[in-house]
PDB file of N, CA and C in Angstrom:
ATOM      1  N   MET A   1     -20.892  14.771 -36.182  1.00  0.00           N
ATOM      2  CA  MET A   1     -21.046  13.914 -37.348  1.00  0.00           C
ATOM      3  C   MET A   1     -21.088  12.469 -36.874  1.00  0.00           C
ATOM      4  N   GLY A   2     -22.082  11.716 -37.253  1.00  0.00           N
ATOM      5  CA  GLY A   2     -22.251  10.327 -36.873  1.00  0.00           C
ATOM      6  C   GLY A   2     -21.390   9.393 -37.662  1.00  0.00           C
ATOM      7  N   LEU A   3     -21.345   8.163 -37.232  1.00  0.00           N
ATOM      8  CA  LEU A   3     -20.608   7.136 -37.964  1.00  0.00           C
ATOM      9  C   LEU A   3     -21.385   6.747 -39.206  1.00  0.00           C
ATOM     10  N   PRO A   4     -20.706   6.398 -40.289  1.00  0.00           N
ATOM     11  CA  PRO A   4     -21.413   6.006 -41.516  1.00  0.00           C
ATOM     12  C   PRO A   4     -22.164   4.681 -41.287  1.00  0.00           C
ATOM     13  N   LYS A   5     -23.423   4.626 -41.676  1.00  0.00           N
ATOM     14  CA  LYS A   5     -24.253   3.450 -41.469  1.00  0.00           C
ATOM     15  C   LYS A   5     -23.739   2.250 -42.266  1.00  0.00           C
ATOM     16  N   LYS A   6     -23.169   2.505 -43.402  1.00  0.00           N
ATOM     17  CA  LYS A   6     -22.781   1.434 -44.310  1.00  0.00           C
ATOM     18  C   LYS A   6     -21.743   0.480 -43.736  1.00  0.00           C
ATOM     19  N   VAL A   7     -20.814   0.987 -42.943  1.00  0.00           N
ATOM     20  CA  VAL A   7     -19.681   0.175 -42.506  1.00  0.00           C
ATOM     21  C   VAL A   7     -19.698  -0.138 -40.991  1.00  0.00           C
ATOM     22  N   THR A   8     -20.702   0.296 -40.256  1.00  0.00           N
ATOM     23  CA  THR A   8     -20.736   0.078 -38.825  1.00  0.00           C
ATOM     24  C   THR A   8     -21.351  -1.254 -38.477  1.00  0.00           C
ATOM     25  N   ARG A   9     -20.995  -1.746 -37.295  1.00  0.00           N
ATOM     26  CA  ARG A   9     -21.596  -2.944 -36.720  1.00  0.00           C
ATOM     27  C   ARG A   9     -22.184  -2.563 -35.380  1.00  0.00           C
ATOM     28  N   THR A  10     -23.037  -3.399 -34.838  1.00  0.00           N
ATOM     29  CA  THR A  10     -23.646  -3.086 -33.554  1.00  0.00           C
ATOM     30  C   THR A  10     -23.271  -4.130 -32.504  1.00  0.00           C
ATOM     31  N   ILE A  11     -23.308  -3.687 -31.247  1.00  0.00           N
ATOM     32  CA  ILE A  11     -23.096  -4.538 -30.076  1.00  0.00           C
ATOM     33  C   ILE A  11     -24.001  -4.043 -28.981  1.00  0.00           C
ATOM     34  N   SER A  12     -24.543  -4.939 -28.180  1.00  0.00           N
ATOM     35  CA  SER A  12     -25.407  -4.537 -27.042  1.00  0.00           C
ATOM     36  C   SER A  12     -24.707  -4.923 -25.752  1.00  0.00           C
ATOM     37  N   VAL A  13     -24.691  -3.974 -24.802  1.00  0.00           N
ATOM     38  CA  VAL A  13     -24.104  -4.183 -23.494  1.00  0.00           C
ATOM     39  C   VAL A  13     -25.099  -3.649 -22.462  1.00  0.00           C
ATOM     40  N   ASP A  14     -25.532  -4.498 -21.555  1.00  0.00           N
ATOM     41  CA  ASP A  14     -26.518  -4.116 -20.526  1.00  0.00           C
ATOM     42  C   ASP A  14     -27.713  -3.365 -21.113  1.00  0.00           C
ATOM     43  N   GLU A  15     -28.287  -3.914 -22.166  1.00  0.00           N
ATOM     44  CA  GLU A  15     -29.475  -3.374 -22.821  1.00  0.00           C
ATOM     45  C   GLU A  15     -29.264  -2.021 -23.502  1.00  0.00           C
ATOM     46  N   THR A  16     -28.003  -1.632 -23.678  1.00  0.00           N
ATOM     47  CA  THR A  16     -27.695  -0.409 -24.445  1.00  0.00           C
ATOM     48  C   THR A  16     -27.012  -0.835 -25.740  1.00  0.00           C
ATOM     49  N   THR A  17     -27.490  -0.319 -26.856  1.00  0.00           N
ATOM     50  CA  THR A  17     -26.937  -0.678 -28.154  1.00  0.00           C
ATOM     51  C   THR A  17     -25.914   0.367 -28.603  1.00  0.00           C
ATOM     52  N   TYR A  18     -24.768  -0.118 -29.036  1.00  0.00           N
ATOM     53  CA  TYR A  18     -23.687   0.746 -29.529  1.00  0.00           C
ATOM     54  C   TYR A  18     -23.388   0.363 -30.974  1.00  0.00           C
ATOM     55  N   LYS A  19     -22.854   1.323 -31.735  1.00  0.00           N
ATOM     56  CA  LYS A  19     -22.357   0.993 -33.064  1.00  0.00           C
ATOM     57  C   LYS A  19     -20.853   1.273 -33.046  1.00  0.00           C
ATOM     58  N   TRP A  20     -20.122   0.484 -33.864  1.00  0.00           N
ATOM     59  CA  TRP A  20     -18.698   0.588 -33.865  1.00  0.00           C
ATOM     60  C   TRP A  20     -18.144   0.371 -35.243  1.00  0.00           C
ATOM     61  N   VAL A  21     -16.939   0.886 -35.456  1.00  0.00           N
ATOM     62  CA  VAL A  21     -16.251   0.707 -36.729  1.00  0.00           C
ATOM     63  C   VAL A  21     -14.745   0.721 -36.442  1.00  0.00           C
ATOM     64  N   VAL A  22     -13.991  -0.003 -37.254  1.00  0.00           N
ATOM     65  CA  VAL A  22     -12.534   0.034 -37.186  1.00  0.00           C
ATOM     66  C   VAL A  22     -12.038   0.713 -38.452  1.00  0.00           C
ATOM     67  N   SER A  23     -11.172   1.712 -38.253  1.00  0.00           N
ATOM     68  CA  SER A  23     -10.667   2.495 -39.369  1.00  0.00           C
ATOM     69  C   SER A  23      -9.163   2.404 -39.425  1.00  0.00           C
ATOM     70  N   PRO A  24      -8.596   1.787 -40.483  1.00  0.00           N
ATOM     71  CA  PRO A  24      -7.131   1.702 -40.602  1.00  0.00           C
ATOM     72  C   PRO A  24      -6.512   3.044 -41.032  1.00  0.00           C
ATOM     73  N   ASP A  25      -5.326   3.351 -40.485  1.00  0.00           N
ATOM     74  CA  ASP A  25      -4.693   4.621 -40.822  1.00  0.00           C
ATOM     75  C   ASP A  25      -3.216   4.593 -40.491  1.00  0.00           C
ATOM     76  N   SER A  26      -2.358   4.580 -41.480  1.00  0.00           N
ATOM     77  CA  SER A  26      -0.908   4.757 -41.334  1.00  0.00           C
ATOM     78  C   SER A  26      -0.280   3.920 -40.213  1.00  0.00           C
ATOM     79  N   GLY A  27      -0.465   2.618 -40.235  1.00  0.00           N
ATOM     80  CA  GLY A  27       0.138   1.781 -39.235  1.00  0.00           C
ATOM     81  C   GLY A  27      -0.651   1.573 -37.971  1.00  0.00           C
ATOM     82  N   TYR A  28      -1.807   2.212 -37.871  1.00  0.00           N
ATOM     83  CA  TYR A  28      -2.673   2.059 -36.713  1.00  0.00           C
ATOM     84  C   TYR A  28      -4.076   1.661 -37.151  1.00  0.00           C
ATOM     85  N   MET A  29      -4.798   1.027 -36.242  1.00  0.00           N
ATOM     86  CA  MET A  29      -6.227   0.777 -36.435  1.00  0.00           C
ATOM     87  C   MET A  29      -6.919   1.595 -35.353  1.00  0.00           C
ATOM     88  N   TRP A  30      -7.960   2.314 -35.722  1.00  0.00           N
ATOM     89  CA  TRP A  30      -8.710   3.118 -34.789  1.00  0.00           C
ATOM     90  C   TRP A  30     -10.081   2.484 -34.579  1.00  0.00           C
ATOM     91  N   LEU A  31     -10.380   2.141 -33.347  1.00  0.00           N
ATOM     92  CA  LEU A  31     -11.711   1.627 -32.983  1.00  0.00           C
ATOM     93  C   LEU A  31     -12.528   2.803 -32.489  1.00  0.00           C
ATOM     94  N   ILE A  32     -13.697   3.012 -33.118  1.00  0.00           N
ATOM     95  CA  ILE A  32     -14.576   4.143 -32.769  1.00  0.00           C
ATOM     96  C   ILE A  32     -15.933   3.562 -32.390  1.00  0.00           C
ATOM     97  N   VAL A  33     -16.387   3.918 -31.190  1.00  0.00           N
ATOM     98  CA  VAL A  33     -17.641   3.396 -30.651  1.00  0.00           C
ATOM     99  C   VAL A  33     -18.510   4.548 -30.179  1.00  0.00           C
ATOM    100  N   GLU A  34     -19.807   4.482 -30.479  1.00  0.00           N
ATOM    101  CA  GLU A  34     -20.758   5.465 -29.944  1.00  0.00           C
ATOM    102  C   GLU A  34     -22.119   4.805 -29.772  1.00  0.00           C
ATOM    103  N   GLN A  35     -22.976   5.380 -28.893  1.00  0.00           N
ATOM    104  CA  GLN A  35     -24.317   4.825 -28.716  1.00  0.00           C
ATOM    105  C   GLN A  35     -25.086   4.904 -30.021  1.00  0.00           C
ATOM    106  N   LYS A  36     -25.902   3.902 -30.277  1.00  0.00           N
ATOM    107  CA  LYS A  36     -26.617   3.845 -31.534  1.00  0.00           C
ATOM    108  C   LYS A  36     -27.622   4.993 -31.673  1.00  0.00           C
ATOM    109  N   ASP A  37     -28.351   5.282 -30.609  1.00  0.00           N
ATOM    110  CA  ASP A  37     -29.418   6.284 -30.698  1.00  0.00           C
ATOM    111  C   ASP A  37     -29.009   7.673 -30.215  1.00  0.00           C
ATOM    112  N   THR A  38     -27.835   7.825 -29.645  1.00  0.00           N
ATOM    113  CA  THR A  38     -27.391   9.109 -29.103  1.00  0.00           C
ATOM    114  C   THR A  38     -26.013   9.427 -29.664  1.00  0.00           C
ATOM    115  N   GLN A  39     -25.921  10.452 -30.506  1.00  0.00           N
ATOM    116  CA  GLN A  39     -24.638  10.860 -31.038  1.00  0.00           C
ATOM    117  C   GLN A  39     -24.005  11.921 -30.155  1.00  0.00           C
ATOM    118  N   GLY A  40     -22.717  12.119 -30.313  1.00  0.00           N
ATOM    119  CA  GLY A  40     -22.054  13.192 -29.578  1.00  0.00           C
ATOM    120  C   GLY A  40     -20.859  12.703 -28.798  1.00  0.00           C
ATOM    121  N   GLN A  41     -21.006  11.625 -28.049  1.00  0.00           N
ATOM    122  CA  GLN A  41     -19.882  11.084 -27.297  1.00  0.00           C
ATOM    123  C   GLN A  41     -19.332   9.850 -28.009  1.00  0.00           C
ATOM    124  N   ARG A  42     -18.007   9.784 -28.070  1.00  0.00           N
ATOM    125  CA  ARG A  42     -17.365   8.675 -28.730  1.00  0.00           C
ATOM    126  C   ARG A  42     -16.226   8.127 -27.879  1.00  0.00           C
ATOM    127  N   LEU A  43     -16.021   6.840 -27.996  1.00  0.00           N
ATOM    128  CA  LEU A  43     -14.842   6.220 -27.441  1.00  0.00           C
ATOM    129  C   LEU A  43     -13.948   5.923 -28.652  1.00  0.00           C
ATOM    130  N   ILE A  44     -12.710   6.398 -28.603  1.00  0.00           N
ATOM    131  CA  ILE A  44     -11.764   6.199 -29.702  1.00  0.00           C
ATOM    132  C   ILE A  44     -10.507   5.594 -29.113  1.00  0.00           C
ATOM    133  N   ALA A  45     -10.079   4.431 -29.668  1.00  0.00           N
ATOM    134  CA  ALA A  45      -8.880   3.765 -29.203  1.00  0.00           C
ATOM    135  C   ALA A  45      -8.019   3.404 -30.400  1.00  0.00           C
ATOM    136  N   GLY A  46      -6.726   3.618 -30.273  1.00  0.00           N
ATOM    137  CA  GLY A  46      -5.778   3.300 -31.366  1.00  0.00           C
ATOM    138  C   GLY A  46      -4.923   2.080 -31.010  1.00  0.00           C
ATOM    139  N   PHE A  47      -4.723   1.244 -32.008  1.00  0.00           N
ATOM    140  CA  PHE A  47      -3.904   0.044 -31.846  1.00  0.00           C
ATOM    141  C   PHE A  47      -2.920  -0.022 -33.006  1.00  0.00           C
ATOM    142  N   LYS A  48      -1.682  -0.392 -32.733  1.00  0.00           N
ATOM    143  CA  LYS A  48      -0.721  -0.626 -33.810  1.00  0.00           C
ATOM    144  C   LYS A  48      -1.068  -1.966 -34.446  1.00  0.00           C
ATOM    145  N   TYR A  49      -0.797  -2.069 -35.745  1.00  0.00           N
ATOM    146  CA  TYR A  49      -0.990  -3.344 -36.411  1.00  0.00           C
ATOM    147  C   TYR A  49      -0.071  -4.382 -35.794  1.00  0.00           C
ATOM    148  N   HIS A  50      -0.526  -5.596 -35.713  1.00  0.00           N
ATOM    149  CA  HIS A  50       0.244  -6.755 -35.234  1.00  0.00           C
ATOM    150  C   HIS A  50       0.591  -6.683 -33.754  1.00  0.00           C
ATOM    151  N   ASN A  51      -0.075  -5.852 -32.980  1.00  0.00           N
ATOM    152  CA  ASN A  51       0.091  -5.868 -31.517  1.00  0.00           C
ATOM    153  C   ASN A  51      -0.664  -7.058 -30.966  1.00  0.00           C
ATOM    154  N   THR A  52      -0.010  -7.792 -30.084  1.00  0.00           N
ATOM    155  CA  THR A  52      -0.634  -8.934 -29.448  1.00  0.00           C
ATOM    156  C   THR A  52      -0.417  -8.776 -27.946  1.00  0.00           C
ATOM    157  N   TYR A  53      -1.470  -8.840 -27.174  1.00  0.00           N
ATOM    158  CA  TYR A  53      -1.364  -8.718 -25.727  1.00  0.00           C
ATOM    159  C   TYR A  53      -1.832 -10.034 -25.105  1.00  0.00           C
ATOM    160  N   VAL A  54      -1.062 -10.521 -24.120  1.00  0.00           N
ATOM    161  CA  VAL A  54      -1.412 -11.758 -23.431  1.00  0.00           C
ATOM    162  C   VAL A  54      -1.223 -11.542 -21.938  1.00  0.00           C
ATOM    163  N   HIS A  55      -1.862 -12.398 -21.153  1.00  0.00           N
ATOM    164  CA  HIS A  55      -1.676 -12.357 -19.704  1.00  0.00           C
ATOM    165  C   HIS A  55      -0.350 -13.034 -19.328  1.00  0.00           C
ATOM    166  N   ASP A  56       0.411 -12.393 -18.450  1.00  0.00           N
ATOM    167  CA  ASP A  56       1.598 -13.055 -17.940  1.00  0.00           C
ATOM    168  C   ASP A  56       1.232 -13.889 -16.692  1.00  0.00           C
ATOM    169  N   GLU A  57       2.222 -14.476 -16.025  1.00  0.00           N
ATOM    170  CA  GLU A  57       1.952 -15.352 -14.888  1.00  0.00           C
ATOM    171  C   GLU A  57       1.268 -14.637 -13.734  1.00  0.00           C
ATOM    172  N   ALA A  58       1.494 -13.305 -13.622  1.00  0.00           N
ATOM    173  CA  ALA A  58       0.877 -12.537 -12.547  1.00  0.00           C
ATOM    174  C   ALA A  58      -0.526 -12.027 -12.918  1.00  0.00           C
ATOM    175  N   GLY A  59      -0.962 -12.328 -14.129  1.00  0.00           N
ATOM    176  CA  GLY A  59      -2.287 -11.897 -14.571  1.00  0.00           C
ATOM    177  C   GLY A  59      -2.313 -10.532 -15.224  1.00  0.00           C
ATOM    178  N   ASN A  60      -1.135  -9.942 -15.461  1.00  0.00           N
ATOM    179  CA  ASN A  60      -1.058  -8.628 -16.101  1.00  0.00           C
ATOM    180  C   ASN A  60      -0.970  -8.781 -17.629  1.00  0.00           C
ATOM    181  N   TRP A  61      -1.430  -7.743 -18.337  1.00  0.00           N
ATOM    182  CA  TRP A  61      -1.325  -7.770 -19.785  1.00  0.00           C
ATOM    183  C   TRP A  61       0.074  -7.355 -20.217  1.00  0.00           C
ATOM    184  N   ARG A  62       0.619  -8.014 -21.204  1.00  0.00           N
ATOM    185  CA  ARG A  62       1.926  -7.621 -21.764  1.00  0.00           C
ATOM    186  C   ARG A  62       1.908  -7.891 -23.262  1.00  0.00           C
ATOM    187  N   SER A  63       2.769  -7.192 -23.964  1.00  0.00           N
ATOM    188  CA  SER A  63       2.839  -7.381 -25.421  1.00  0.00           C
ATOM    189  C   SER A  63       4.045  -8.232 -25.780  1.00  0.00           C
TER     190      SER A  63
END
């Protein structure tokens, strides 16, 4: 099942176009990304609301 066209946005990386959507759910936001012209593979990442990540002095990410 593909992403709904009504709520998706597009981004291009190295001449490949992707569509993405953020879906809120019970304290998390889910980022879902798939190629615009090829369905089947998805990248899904979950983030807690109000998470903030910054670089520390060593260049590592921390919350």
